């Protein structure tokens, strides 16, 4: 997600609050990962999106590095 300059204009990818990485797990559930720098914090819209994905059975979380992603996906696998 984000914004890129294409030609002479800016094009927005996603929408406010949309996670940086969206994917689909093998079982068909939505995966949403919000990527943050070491001191970055979730904005209200980002937290709401993560909550919405979880509410409807998806896997959503904030990650600061690849270890966070592996930890969250391993924890989800252990629950299912």
PDB file of N, CA and C in Angstrom:
ATOM      1  N   UNK A   1       0.848  -1.178   0.000  1.00  0.00           N
ATOM      2  CA  UNK A   1       0.000   0.000   0.000  1.00  0.00           C
ATOM      3  C   UNK A   1       0.887   1.232   0.000  1.00  0.00           C
ATOM      4  N   UNK A   2       0.294   2.374  -0.099  1.00  0.00           N
ATOM      5  CA  UNK A   2       1.070   3.602  -0.117  1.00  0.00           C
ATOM      6  C   UNK A   2       0.759   4.437  -1.337  1.00  0.00           C
ATOM      7  N   UNK A   3       1.729   5.257  -1.720  1.00  0.00           N
ATOM      8  CA  UNK A   3       1.565   6.170  -2.841  1.00  0.00           C
ATOM      9  C   UNK A   3       2.815   6.098  -3.705  1.00  0.00           C
ATOM     10  N   UNK A   4       2.617   6.175  -5.004  1.00  0.00           N
ATOM     11  CA  UNK A   4       3.749   6.198  -5.934  1.00  0.00           C
ATOM     12  C   UNK A   4       3.492   7.263  -6.986  1.00  0.00           C
ATOM     13  N   UNK A   5       4.565   7.850  -7.469  1.00  0.00           N
ATOM     14  CA  UNK A   5       4.438   8.821  -8.550  1.00  0.00           C
ATOM     15  C   UNK A   5       4.557   8.067  -9.869  1.00  0.00           C
ATOM     16  N   UNK A   6       3.525   8.169 -10.672  1.00  0.00           N
ATOM     17  CA  UNK A   6       3.503   7.515 -11.977  1.00  0.00           C
ATOM     18  C   UNK A   6       3.265   8.604 -13.009  1.00  0.00           C
ATOM     19  N   UNK A   7       4.267   8.799 -13.848  1.00  0.00           N
ATOM     20  CA  UNK A   7       4.187   9.914 -14.783  1.00  0.00           C
ATOM     21  C   UNK A   7       4.206  11.208 -13.996  1.00  0.00           C
ATOM     22  N   UNK A   8       3.251  12.069 -14.243  1.00  0.00           N
ATOM     23  CA  UNK A   8       3.193  13.340 -13.542  1.00  0.00           C
ATOM     24  C   UNK A   8       2.203  13.371 -12.399  1.00  0.00           C
ATOM     25  N   UNK A   9       1.693  12.228 -11.989  1.00  0.00           N
ATOM     26  CA  UNK A   9       0.689  12.250 -10.918  1.00  0.00           C
ATOM     27  C   UNK A   9       0.981  11.193  -9.865  1.00  0.00           C
ATOM     28  N   UNK A  10       0.368  11.364  -8.705  1.00  0.00           N
ATOM     29  CA  UNK A  10       0.509  10.414  -7.615  1.00  0.00           C
ATOM     30  C   UNK A  10      -0.667   9.445  -7.642  1.00  0.00           C
ATOM     31  N   UNK A  11      -0.369   8.173  -7.453  1.00  0.00           N
ATOM     32  CA  UNK A  11      -1.400   7.135  -7.434  1.00  0.00           C
ATOM     33  C   UNK A  11      -1.361   6.467  -6.062  1.00  0.00           C
ATOM     34  N   UNK A  12      -2.525   6.394  -5.410  1.00  0.00           N
ATOM     35  CA  UNK A  12      -2.626   5.767  -4.099  1.00  0.00           C
ATOM     36  C   UNK A  12      -2.995   4.300  -4.252  1.00  0.00           C
ATOM     37  N   UNK A  13      -2.299   3.449  -3.518  1.00  0.00           N
ATOM     38  CA  UNK A  13      -2.591   2.022  -3.476  1.00  0.00           C
ATOM     39  C   UNK A  13      -3.227   1.732  -2.129  1.00  0.00           C
ATOM     40  N   UNK A  14      -4.324   1.033  -2.122  1.00  0.00           N
ATOM     41  CA  UNK A  14      -5.016   0.752  -0.869  1.00  0.00           C
ATOM     42  C   UNK A  14      -5.893   1.920  -0.469  1.00  0.00           C
ATOM     43  N   UNK A  15      -6.221   1.996   0.801  1.00  0.00           N
ATOM     44  CA  UNK A  15      -7.089   3.035   1.362  1.00  0.00           C
ATOM     45  C   UNK A  15      -6.605   3.332   2.768  1.00  0.00           C
ATOM     46  N   UNK A  16      -7.030   4.422   3.377  1.00  0.00           N
ATOM     47  CA  UNK A  16      -6.569   4.751   4.726  1.00  0.00           C
ATOM     48  C   UNK A  16      -6.860   3.612   5.705  1.00  0.00           C
ATOM     49  N   UNK A  17      -5.824   3.165   6.379  1.00  0.00           N
ATOM     50  CA  UNK A  17      -5.952   2.082   7.353  1.00  0.00           C
ATOM     51  C   UNK A  17      -5.621   0.715   6.802  1.00  0.00           C
ATOM     52  N   UNK A  18      -5.605   0.565   5.477  1.00  0.00           N
ATOM     53  CA  UNK A  18      -5.314  -0.726   4.859  1.00  0.00           C
ATOM     54  C   UNK A  18      -3.889  -1.157   5.221  1.00  0.00           C
ATOM     55  N   UNK A  19      -3.726  -2.429   5.564  1.00  0.00           N
ATOM     56  CA  UNK A  19      -2.400  -2.941   5.921  1.00  0.00           C
ATOM     57  C   UNK A  19      -1.446  -2.883   4.734  1.00  0.00           C
ATOM     58  N   UNK A  20      -0.158  -2.853   5.037  1.00  0.00           N
ATOM     59  CA  UNK A  20       0.870  -2.758   3.996  1.00  0.00           C
ATOM     60  C   UNK A  20       0.936  -4.015   3.135  1.00  0.00           C
ATOM     61  N   UNK A  21       0.735  -5.172   3.758  1.00  0.00           N
ATOM     62  CA  UNK A  21       0.803  -6.447   3.040  1.00  0.00           C
ATOM     63  C   UNK A  21      -0.523  -7.165   3.213  1.00  0.00           C
ATOM     64  N   UNK A  22      -1.141  -7.515   2.106  1.00  0.00           N
ATOM     65  CA  UNK A  22      -2.365  -8.309   2.113  1.00  0.00           C
ATOM     66  C   UNK A  22      -2.080  -9.597   1.363  1.00  0.00           C
ATOM     67  N   UNK A  23      -2.575 -10.699   1.905  1.00  0.00           N
ATOM     68  CA  UNK A  23      -2.363 -11.986   1.259  1.00  0.00           C
ATOM     69  C   UNK A  23      -3.462 -12.952   1.644  1.00  0.00           C
ATOM     70  N   UNK A  24      -3.315 -14.167   1.159  1.00  0.00           N
ATOM     71  CA  UNK A  24      -4.274 -15.208   1.460  1.00  0.00           C
ATOM     72  C   UNK A  24      -3.506 -16.423   1.955  1.00  0.00           C
ATOM     73  N   UNK A  25      -3.936 -16.957   3.099  1.00  0.00           N
ATOM     74  CA  UNK A  25      -3.314 -18.151   3.647  1.00  0.00           C
ATOM     75  C   UNK A  25      -3.793 -19.382   2.889  1.00  0.00           C
ATOM     76  N   UNK A  26      -3.104 -20.502   3.056  1.00  0.00           N
ATOM     77  CA  UNK A  26      -3.454 -21.732   2.336  1.00  0.00           C
ATOM     78  C   UNK A  26      -4.892 -22.157   2.578  1.00  0.00           C
ATOM     79  N   UNK A  27      -5.418 -21.861   3.764  1.00  0.00           N
ATOM     80  CA  UNK A  27      -6.791 -22.265   4.081  1.00  0.00           C
ATOM     81  C   UNK A  27      -7.828 -21.246   3.607  1.00  0.00           C
ATOM     82  N   UNK A  28      -7.385 -20.213   2.902  1.00  0.00           N
ATOM     83  CA  UNK A  28      -8.296 -19.235   2.319  1.00  0.00           C
ATOM     84  C   UNK A  28      -8.523 -17.987   3.145  1.00  0.00           C
ATOM     85  N   UNK A  29      -8.026 -17.948   4.372  1.00  0.00           N
ATOM     86  CA  UNK A  29      -8.210 -16.764   5.213  1.00  0.00           C
ATOM     87  C   UNK A  29      -7.337 -15.609   4.742  1.00  0.00           C
ATOM     88  N   UNK A  30      -7.833 -14.388   5.015  1.00  0.00           N
ATOM     89  CA  UNK A  30      -7.093 -13.176   4.679  1.00  0.00           C
ATOM     90  C   UNK A  30      -5.926 -12.989   5.643  1.00  0.00           C
ATOM     91  N   UNK A  31      -4.790 -12.566   5.122  1.00  0.00           N
ATOM     92  CA  UNK A  31      -3.624 -12.203   5.914  1.00  0.00           C
ATOM     93  C   UNK A  31      -3.381 -10.719   5.716  1.00  0.00           C
ATOM     94  N   UNK A  32      -3.256  -9.974   6.810  1.00  0.00           N
ATOM     95  CA  UNK A  32      -2.981  -8.538   6.751  1.00  0.00           C
ATOM     96  C   UNK A  32      -1.838  -8.228   7.710  1.00  0.00           C
ATOM     97  N   UNK A  33      -0.764  -7.671   7.183  1.00  0.00           N
ATOM     98  CA  UNK A  33       0.408  -7.337   7.993  1.00  0.00           C
ATOM     99  C   UNK A  33       0.680  -5.844   7.864  1.00  0.00           C
ATOM    100  N   UNK A  34       0.665  -5.149   8.979  1.00  0.00           N
ATOM    101  CA  UNK A  34       1.012  -3.729   9.021  1.00  0.00           C
ATOM    102  C   UNK A  34       2.485  -3.640   9.414  1.00  0.00           C
ATOM    103  N   UNK A  35       3.319  -3.114   8.535  1.00  0.00           N
ATOM    104  CA  UNK A  35       4.762  -3.028   8.764  1.00  0.00           C
ATOM    105  C   UNK A  35       5.100  -1.690   9.418  1.00  0.00           C
ATOM    106  N   UNK A  36       5.880  -1.759  10.484  1.00  0.00           N
ATOM    107  CA  UNK A  36       6.256  -0.548  11.203  1.00  0.00           C
ATOM    108  C   UNK A  36       7.753  -0.545  11.501  1.00  0.00           C
ATOM    109  N   UNK A  37       8.319   0.640  11.531  1.00  0.00           N
ATOM    110  CA  UNK A  37       9.707   0.840  11.936  1.00  0.00           C
ATOM    111  C   UNK A  37       9.813   0.561  13.440  1.00  0.00           C
ATOM    112  N   UNK A  38      11.024   0.433  13.963  1.00  0.00           N
ATOM    113  CA  UNK A  38      11.182   0.115  15.384  1.00  0.00           C
ATOM    114  C   UNK A  38      10.384   0.996  16.345  1.00  0.00           C
ATOM    115  N   UNK A  39      10.225   2.266  16.033  1.00  0.00           N
ATOM    116  CA  UNK A  39       9.482   3.154  16.938  1.00  0.00           C
ATOM    117  C   UNK A  39       8.113   3.547  16.389  1.00  0.00           C
ATOM    118  N   UNK A  40       7.721   2.957  15.267  1.00  0.00           N
ATOM    119  CA  UNK A  40       6.437   3.290  14.656  1.00  0.00           C
ATOM    120  C   UNK A  40       5.261   2.805  15.485  1.00  0.00           C
ATOM    121  N   UNK A  41       4.147   3.518  15.382  1.00  0.00           N
ATOM    122  CA  UNK A  41       2.927   3.142  16.111  1.00  0.00           C
ATOM    123  C   UNK A  41       1.759   3.048  15.142  1.00  0.00           C
ATOM    124  N   UNK A  42       0.805   2.186  15.499  1.00  0.00           N
ATOM    125  CA  UNK A  42      -0.395   2.050  14.668  1.00  0.00           C
ATOM    126  C   UNK A  42      -1.239   3.315  14.734  1.00  0.00           C
ATOM    127  N   UNK A  43      -1.761   3.726  13.614  1.00  0.00           N
ATOM    128  CA  UNK A  43      -2.755   4.794  13.581  1.00  0.00           C
ATOM    129  C   UNK A  43      -4.108   4.160  13.891  1.00  0.00           C
ATOM    130  N   UNK A  44      -5.066   4.968  14.294  1.00  0.00           N
ATOM    131  CA  UNK A  44      -6.392   4.456  14.656  1.00  0.00           C
ATOM    132  C   UNK A  44      -7.019   3.661  13.513  1.00  0.00           C
ATOM    133  N   UNK A  45      -6.890   4.154  12.275  1.00  0.00           N
ATOM    134  CA  UNK A  45      -7.469   3.456  11.129  1.00  0.00           C
ATOM    135  C   UNK A  45      -6.808   2.102  10.898  1.00  0.00           C
ATOM    136  N   UNK A  46      -5.503   2.019  11.150  1.00  0.00           N
ATOM    137  CA  UNK A  46      -4.783   0.762  10.982  1.00  0.00           C
ATOM    138  C   UNK A  46      -5.209  -0.252  12.037  1.00  0.00           C
ATOM    139  N   UNK A  47      -5.345   0.197  13.271  1.00  0.00           N
ATOM    140  CA  UNK A  47      -5.800  -0.694  14.346  1.00  0.00           C
ATOM    141  C   UNK A  47      -7.215  -1.184  14.062  1.00  0.00           C
ATOM    142  N   UNK A  48      -8.069  -0.307  13.551  1.00  0.00           N
ATOM    143  CA  UNK A  48      -9.440  -0.693  13.228  1.00  0.00           C
ATOM    144  C   UNK A  48      -9.460  -1.741  12.114  1.00  0.00           C
ATOM    145  N   UNK A  49      -8.612  -1.580  11.101  1.00  0.00           N
ATOM    146  CA  UNK A  49      -8.566  -2.548  10.010  1.00  0.00           C
ATOM    147  C   UNK A  49      -8.103  -3.910  10.516  1.00  0.00           C
ATOM    148  N   UNK A  50      -7.075  -3.925  11.354  1.00  0.00           N
ATOM    149  CA  UNK A  50      -6.592  -5.179  11.932  1.00  0.00           C
ATOM    150  C   UNK A  50      -7.711  -5.851  12.727  1.00  0.00           C
ATOM    151  N   UNK A  51      -8.443  -5.068  13.505  1.00  0.00           N
ATOM    152  CA  UNK A  51      -9.558  -5.609  14.269  1.00  0.00           C
ATOM    153  C   UNK A  51     -10.647  -6.184  13.380  1.00  0.00           C
ATOM    154  N   UNK A  52     -10.933  -5.528  12.284  1.00  0.00           N
ATOM    155  CA  UNK A  52     -11.959  -5.992  11.351  1.00  0.00           C
ATOM    156  C   UNK A  52     -11.557  -7.324  10.710  1.00  0.00           C
ATOM    157  N   UNK A  53     -10.305  -7.414  10.277  1.00  0.00           N
ATOM    158  CA  UNK A  53      -9.814  -8.660   9.673  1.00  0.00           C
ATOM    159  C   UNK A  53      -9.932  -9.797  10.686  1.00  0.00           C
ATOM    160  N   UNK A  54      -9.507  -9.565  11.914  1.00  0.00           N
ATOM    161  CA  UNK A  54      -9.592 -10.593  12.957  1.00  0.00           C
ATOM    162  C   UNK A  54     -11.042 -10.970  13.244  1.00  0.00           C
ATOM    163  N   UNK A  55     -11.899  -9.972  13.303  1.00  0.00           N
ATOM    164  CA  UNK A  55     -13.319 -10.211  13.600  1.00  0.00           C
ATOM    165  C   UNK A  55     -13.950 -11.189  12.610  1.00  0.00           C
ATOM    166  N   UNK A  56     -13.535 -11.116  11.366  1.00  0.00           N
ATOM    167  CA  UNK A  56     -14.095 -11.978  10.342  1.00  0.00           C
ATOM    168  C   UNK A  56     -13.230 -13.203  10.046  1.00  0.00           C
ATOM    169  N   UNK A  57     -12.353 -13.557  10.995  1.00  0.00           N
ATOM    170  CA  UNK A  57     -11.619 -14.815  10.903  1.00  0.00           C
ATOM    171  C   UNK A  57     -10.275 -14.769  10.228  1.00  0.00           C
ATOM    172  N   UNK A  58      -9.822 -13.596   9.833  1.00  0.00           N
ATOM    173  CA  UNK A  58      -8.521 -13.477   9.195  1.00  0.00           C
ATOM    174  C   UNK A  58      -7.403 -13.375  10.214  1.00  0.00           C
ATOM    175  N   UNK A  59      -6.193 -13.333   9.715  1.00  0.00           N
ATOM    176  CA  UNK A  59      -4.996 -13.199  10.544  1.00  0.00           C
ATOM    177  C   UNK A  59      -4.412 -11.821  10.251  1.00  0.00           C
ATOM    178  N   UNK A  60      -4.316 -10.993  11.284  1.00  0.00           N
ATOM    179  CA  UNK A  60      -3.827  -9.621  11.099  1.00  0.00           C
ATOM    180  C   UNK A  60      -2.978  -9.222  12.288  1.00  0.00           C
ATOM    181  N   UNK A  61      -1.886  -8.517  12.004  1.00  0.00           N
ATOM    182  CA  UNK A  61      -0.975  -8.093  13.064  1.00  0.00           C
ATOM    183  C   UNK A  61      -0.020  -7.027  12.554  1.00  0.00           C
ATOM    184  N   UNK A  62       0.675  -6.407  13.496  1.00  0.00           N
ATOM    185  CA  UNK A  62       1.727  -5.453  13.182  1.00  0.00           C
ATOM    186  C   UNK A  62       3.058  -6.177  13.295  1.00  0.00           C
ATOM    187  N   UNK A  63       3.977  -5.902  12.387  1.00  0.00           N
ATOM    188  CA  UNK A  63       5.300  -6.516  12.416  1.00  0.00           C
ATOM    189  C   UNK A  63       6.371  -5.454  12.223  1.00  0.00           C
ATOM    190  N   UNK A  64       7.427  -5.584  12.991  1.00  0.00           N
ATOM    191  CA  UNK A  64       8.580  -4.681  12.853  1.00  0.00           C
ATOM    192  C   UNK A  64       9.703  -5.329  12.047  1.00  0.00           C
ATOM    193  N   UNK A  65       9.689  -6.666  11.977  1.00  0.00           N
ATOM    194  CA  UNK A  65      10.686  -7.391  11.197  1.00  0.00           C
ATOM    195  C   UNK A  65      10.155  -8.787  10.878  1.00  0.00           C
ATOM    196  N   UNK A  66      10.934  -9.555  10.128  1.00  0.00           N
ATOM    197  CA  UNK A  66      10.502 -10.890   9.705  1.00  0.00           C
ATOM    198  C   UNK A  66      10.288 -11.834  10.876  1.00  0.00           C
ATOM    199  N   UNK A  67      11.023 -11.643  11.958  1.00  0.00           N
ATOM    200  CA  UNK A  67      10.822 -12.506  13.141  1.00  0.00           C
ATOM    201  C   UNK A  67       9.420 -12.344  13.693  1.00  0.00           C
ATOM    202  N   UNK A  68       8.896 -11.125  13.673  1.00  0.00           N
ATOM    203  CA  UNK A  68       7.523 -10.897  14.138  1.00  0.00           C
ATOM    204  C   UNK A  68       6.529 -11.654  13.268  1.00  0.00           C
ATOM    205  N   UNK A  69       6.742 -11.638  11.969  1.00  0.00           N
ATOM    206  CA  UNK A  69       5.841 -12.339  11.052  1.00  0.00           C
ATOM    207  C   UNK A  69       5.877 -13.834  11.334  1.00  0.00           C
ATOM    208  N   UNK A  70       7.075 -14.401  11.446  1.00  0.00           N
ATOM    209  CA  UNK A  70       7.198 -15.840  11.724  1.00  0.00           C
ATOM    210  C   UNK A  70       6.552 -16.207  13.053  1.00  0.00           C
ATOM    211  N   UNK A  71       6.736 -15.380  14.071  1.00  0.00           N
ATOM    212  CA  UNK A  71       6.141 -15.641  15.385  1.00  0.00           C
ATOM    213  C   UNK A  71       4.622 -15.644  15.308  1.00  0.00           C
ATOM    214  N   UNK A  72       4.058 -14.645  14.656  1.00  0.00           N
ATOM    215  CA  UNK A  72       2.597 -14.544  14.555  1.00  0.00           C
ATOM    216  C   UNK A  72       2.009 -15.691  13.743  1.00  0.00           C
ATOM    217  N   UNK A  73       2.643 -16.044  12.633  1.00  0.00           N
ATOM    218  CA  UNK A  73       2.129 -17.136  11.818  1.00  0.00           C
ATOM    219  C   UNK A  73       2.269 -18.475  12.524  1.00  0.00           C
ATOM    220  N   UNK A  74       3.345 -18.662  13.274  1.00  0.00           N
ATOM    221  CA  UNK A  74       3.511 -19.901  14.064  1.00  0.00           C
ATOM    222  C   UNK A  74       2.463 -19.989  15.153  1.00  0.00           C
ATOM    223  N   UNK A  75       2.175 -18.864  15.807  1.00  0.00           N
ATOM    224  CA  UNK A  75       1.156 -18.842  16.858  1.00  0.00           C
ATOM    225  C   UNK A  75      -0.213 -19.166  16.270  1.00  0.00           C
ATOM    226  N   UNK A  76      -0.514 -18.625  15.081  1.00  0.00           N
ATOM    227  CA  UNK A  76      -1.793 -18.918  14.435  1.00  0.00           C
ATOM    228  C   UNK A  76      -1.883 -20.396  14.071  1.00  0.00           C
ATOM    229  N   UNK A  77      -0.805 -20.949  13.566  1.00  0.00           N
ATOM    230  CA  UNK A  77      -0.788 -22.368  13.194  1.00  0.00           C
ATOM    231  C   UNK A  77      -1.021 -23.252  14.419  1.00  0.00           C
ATOM    232  N   UNK A  78      -0.464 -22.872  15.561  1.00  0.00           N
ATOM    233  CA  UNK A  78      -0.645 -23.642  16.788  1.00  0.00           C
ATOM    234  C   UNK A  78      -2.093 -23.594  17.265  1.00  0.00           C
ATOM    235  N   UNK A  79      -2.793 -22.480  16.990  1.00  0.00           N
ATOM    236  CA  UNK A  79      -4.196 -22.346  17.413  1.00  0.00           C
ATOM    237  C   UNK A  79      -5.153 -23.141  16.531  1.00  0.00           C
ATOM    238  N   UNK A  80      -4.752 -23.406  15.287  1.00  0.00           N
ATOM    239  CA  UNK A  80      -5.675 -24.065  14.358  1.00  0.00           C
ATOM    240  C   UNK A  80      -5.395 -25.537  14.225  1.00  0.00           C
TER     241      UNK A  80
END
